[in-house]
Amino acid sequence: VEERLAEARTILGDSYVPVETVPVPELPADAVIDVAVERGASMIVIGTRGESPLMGAILGSTAYKLLHRSPMPVLVVPAED
C-alpha cells in the first residue's frame, strides 16, 4: 500500500488538488463508498485503466462497481489513449 501511495504522490507532484491518503482494509469499491459517505462527499471521481466497459463488467472493475453501488454521483475519467 505504501508503495502505491508513494507512486500516486509522485504523479500528483505539486498539484493544486489537496490530497489525503486513507488506507482502508476493505475491497476497493466498498472502501471508496464508505470513506465518501463518512466524509459527506457530494461526488466520487475515479480514473480507469483503459479497459472497455464490457471487460470492466466481466472483471468487476472498481469503477463499474462504484457506478452501480454508490449512493452519490460517480464521475469516471477514462485513461488516456
C-alpha atoms as a PDB file:
ATOM      1  CA  VAL A   1       0.000   0.000   0.000  1.00  0.00           C
ATOM      2  CA  GLU A   2       2.745   2.443   0.940  1.00  0.00           C
ATOM      3  CA  GLU A   3       4.471   1.821  -2.402  1.00  0.00           C
ATOM      4  CA  ARG A   4       1.302   2.654  -4.360  1.00  0.00           C
ATOM      5  CA  LEU A   5       0.674   5.756  -2.253  1.00  0.00           C
ATOM      6  CA  ALA A   6       4.230   6.978  -2.857  1.00  0.00           C
ATOM      7  CA  GLU A   7       3.709   6.458  -6.599  1.00  0.00           C
ATOM      8  CA  ALA A   8       0.468   8.450  -6.509  1.00  0.00           C
ATOM      9  CA  ARG A   9       2.130  11.297  -4.585  1.00  0.00           C
ATOM     10  CA  THR A  10       4.916  11.414  -7.189  1.00  0.00           C
ATOM     11  CA  ILE A  11       2.417  11.572 -10.058  1.00  0.00           C
ATOM     12  CA  LEU A  12       0.464  14.374  -8.389  1.00  0.00           C
ATOM     13  CA  GLY A  13       3.596  16.303  -7.505  1.00  0.00           C
ATOM     14  CA  ASP A  14       2.856  19.879  -6.501  1.00  0.00           C
ATOM     15  CA  SER A  15      -0.635  19.951  -7.995  1.00  0.00           C
ATOM     16  CA  TYR A  16      -3.251  22.353  -6.736  1.00  0.00           C
ATOM     17  CA  VAL A  17      -5.504  19.497  -5.686  1.00  0.00           C
ATOM     18  CA  PRO A  18      -5.377  18.724  -1.976  1.00  0.00           C
ATOM     19  CA  VAL A  19      -4.668  15.026  -1.453  1.00  0.00           C
ATOM     20  CA  GLU A  20      -5.242  12.879   1.589  1.00  0.00           C
ATOM     21  CA  THR A  21      -4.490   9.172   1.628  1.00  0.00           C
ATOM     22  CA  VAL A  22      -6.633   6.826   3.703  1.00  0.00           C
ATOM     23  CA  PRO A  23      -5.557   3.164   3.760  1.00  0.00           C
ATOM     24  CA  VAL A  24      -8.685   1.074   4.386  1.00  0.00           C
ATOM     25  CA  PRO A  25      -8.662  -2.736   4.740  1.00  0.00           C
ATOM     26  CA  GLU A  26     -11.714  -3.353   2.524  1.00  0.00           C
ATOM     27  CA  LEU A  27     -12.426  -4.176  -1.085  1.00  0.00           C
ATOM     28  CA  PRO A  28     -11.690  -1.031  -3.144  1.00  0.00           C
ATOM     29  CA  ALA A  29     -15.252  -0.113  -4.163  1.00  0.00           C
ATOM     30  CA  ASP A  30     -16.596  -0.684  -0.656  1.00  0.00           C
ATOM     31  CA  ALA A  31     -13.749   1.346   0.860  1.00  0.00           C
ATOM     32  CA  VAL A  32     -14.261   4.285  -1.510  1.00  0.00           C
ATOM     33  CA  ILE A  33     -18.001   4.374  -0.827  1.00  0.00           C
ATOM     34  CA  ASP A  34     -17.542   4.084   2.943  1.00  0.00           C
ATOM     35  CA  VAL A  35     -14.974   6.906   3.059  1.00  0.00           C
ATOM     36  CA  ALA A  36     -17.056   9.106   0.725  1.00  0.00           C
ATOM     37  CA  VAL A  37     -20.169   8.644   2.880  1.00  0.00           C
ATOM     38  CA  GLU A  38     -18.195   9.181   6.094  1.00  0.00           C
ATOM     39  CA  ARG A  39     -16.726  12.435   4.724  1.00  0.00           C
ATOM     40  CA  GLY A  40     -20.012  13.691   3.276  1.00  0.00           C
ATOM     41  CA  ALA A  41     -18.674  13.709  -0.288  1.00  0.00           C
ATOM     42  CA  SER A  42     -21.030  15.016  -2.953  1.00  0.00           C
ATOM     43  CA  MET A  43     -19.323  13.047  -5.743  1.00  0.00           C
ATOM     44  CA  ILE A  44     -16.770  10.285  -6.318  1.00  0.00           C
ATOM     45  CA  VAL A  45     -14.215  10.808  -9.092  1.00  0.00           C
ATOM     46  CA  ILE A  46     -12.260   7.767 -10.287  1.00  0.00           C
ATOM     47  CA  GLY A  47      -9.980   7.045 -13.224  1.00  0.00           C
ATOM     48  CA  THR A  48      -9.938   3.926 -15.360  1.00  0.00           C
ATOM     49  CA  ARG A  49      -7.048   1.829 -16.566  1.00  0.00           C
ATOM     50  CA  GLY A  50      -8.277   1.880 -20.125  1.00  0.00           C
ATOM     51  CA  GLU A  51     -10.311  -1.313 -20.158  1.00  0.00           C
ATOM     52  CA  SER A  52     -13.519  -1.413 -22.155  1.00  0.00           C
ATOM     53  CA  PRO A  53     -16.835  -1.176 -20.278  1.00  0.00           C
ATOM     54  CA  LEU A  54     -17.554  -4.807 -21.171  1.00  0.00           C
ATOM     55  CA  MET A  55     -14.215  -6.004 -19.775  1.00  0.00           C
ATOM     56  CA  GLY A  56     -14.768  -3.913 -16.670  1.00  0.00           C
ATOM     57  CA  ALA A  57     -18.130  -5.545 -16.148  1.00  0.00           C
ATOM     58  CA  ILE A  58     -16.726  -9.026 -16.651  1.00  0.00           C
ATOM     59  CA  LEU A  59     -13.654  -8.452 -14.485  1.00  0.00           C
ATOM     60  CA  GLY A  60     -15.567  -6.482 -11.856  1.00  0.00           C
ATOM     61  CA  SER A  61     -13.641  -3.206 -12.035  1.00  0.00           C
ATOM     62  CA  THR A  62     -13.815  -0.755  -9.148  1.00  0.00           C
ATOM     63  CA  ALA A  63     -15.262   1.967 -11.402  1.00  0.00           C
ATOM     64  CA  TYR A  64     -18.023  -0.358 -12.594  1.00  0.00           C
ATOM     65  CA  LYS A  65     -18.897  -1.343  -9.027  1.00  0.00           C
ATOM     66  CA  LEU A  66     -18.950   2.286  -7.924  1.00  0.00           C
ATOM     67  CA  LEU A  67     -21.272   3.243 -10.773  1.00  0.00           C
ATOM     68  CA  HIS A  68     -23.774   0.627  -9.656  1.00  0.00           C
ATOM     69  CA  ARG A  69     -23.428   0.788  -5.855  1.00  0.00           C
ATOM     70  CA  SER A  70     -22.631   4.370  -4.930  1.00  0.00           C
ATOM     71  CA  PRO A  71     -25.333   6.436  -3.220  1.00  0.00           C
ATOM     72  CA  MET A  72     -23.789   9.577  -4.760  1.00  0.00           C
ATOM     73  CA  PRO A  73     -22.836  10.535  -8.342  1.00  0.00           C
ATOM     74  CA  VAL A  74     -19.684   8.944  -9.767  1.00  0.00           C
ATOM     75  CA  LEU A  75     -17.525  10.593 -12.435  1.00  0.00           C
ATOM     76  CA  VAL A  76     -15.361   8.074 -14.311  1.00  0.00           C
ATOM     77  CA  VAL A  77     -12.406   9.629 -16.122  1.00  0.00           C
ATOM     78  CA  PRO A  78     -11.137   7.406 -18.950  1.00  0.00           C
ATOM     79  CA  ALA A  79      -7.434   6.631 -19.285  1.00  0.00           C
ATOM     80  CA  GLU A  80      -5.542   8.489 -21.997  1.00  0.00           C
ATOM     81  CA  ASP A  81      -5.103   6.613 -25.270  1.00  0.00           C
END
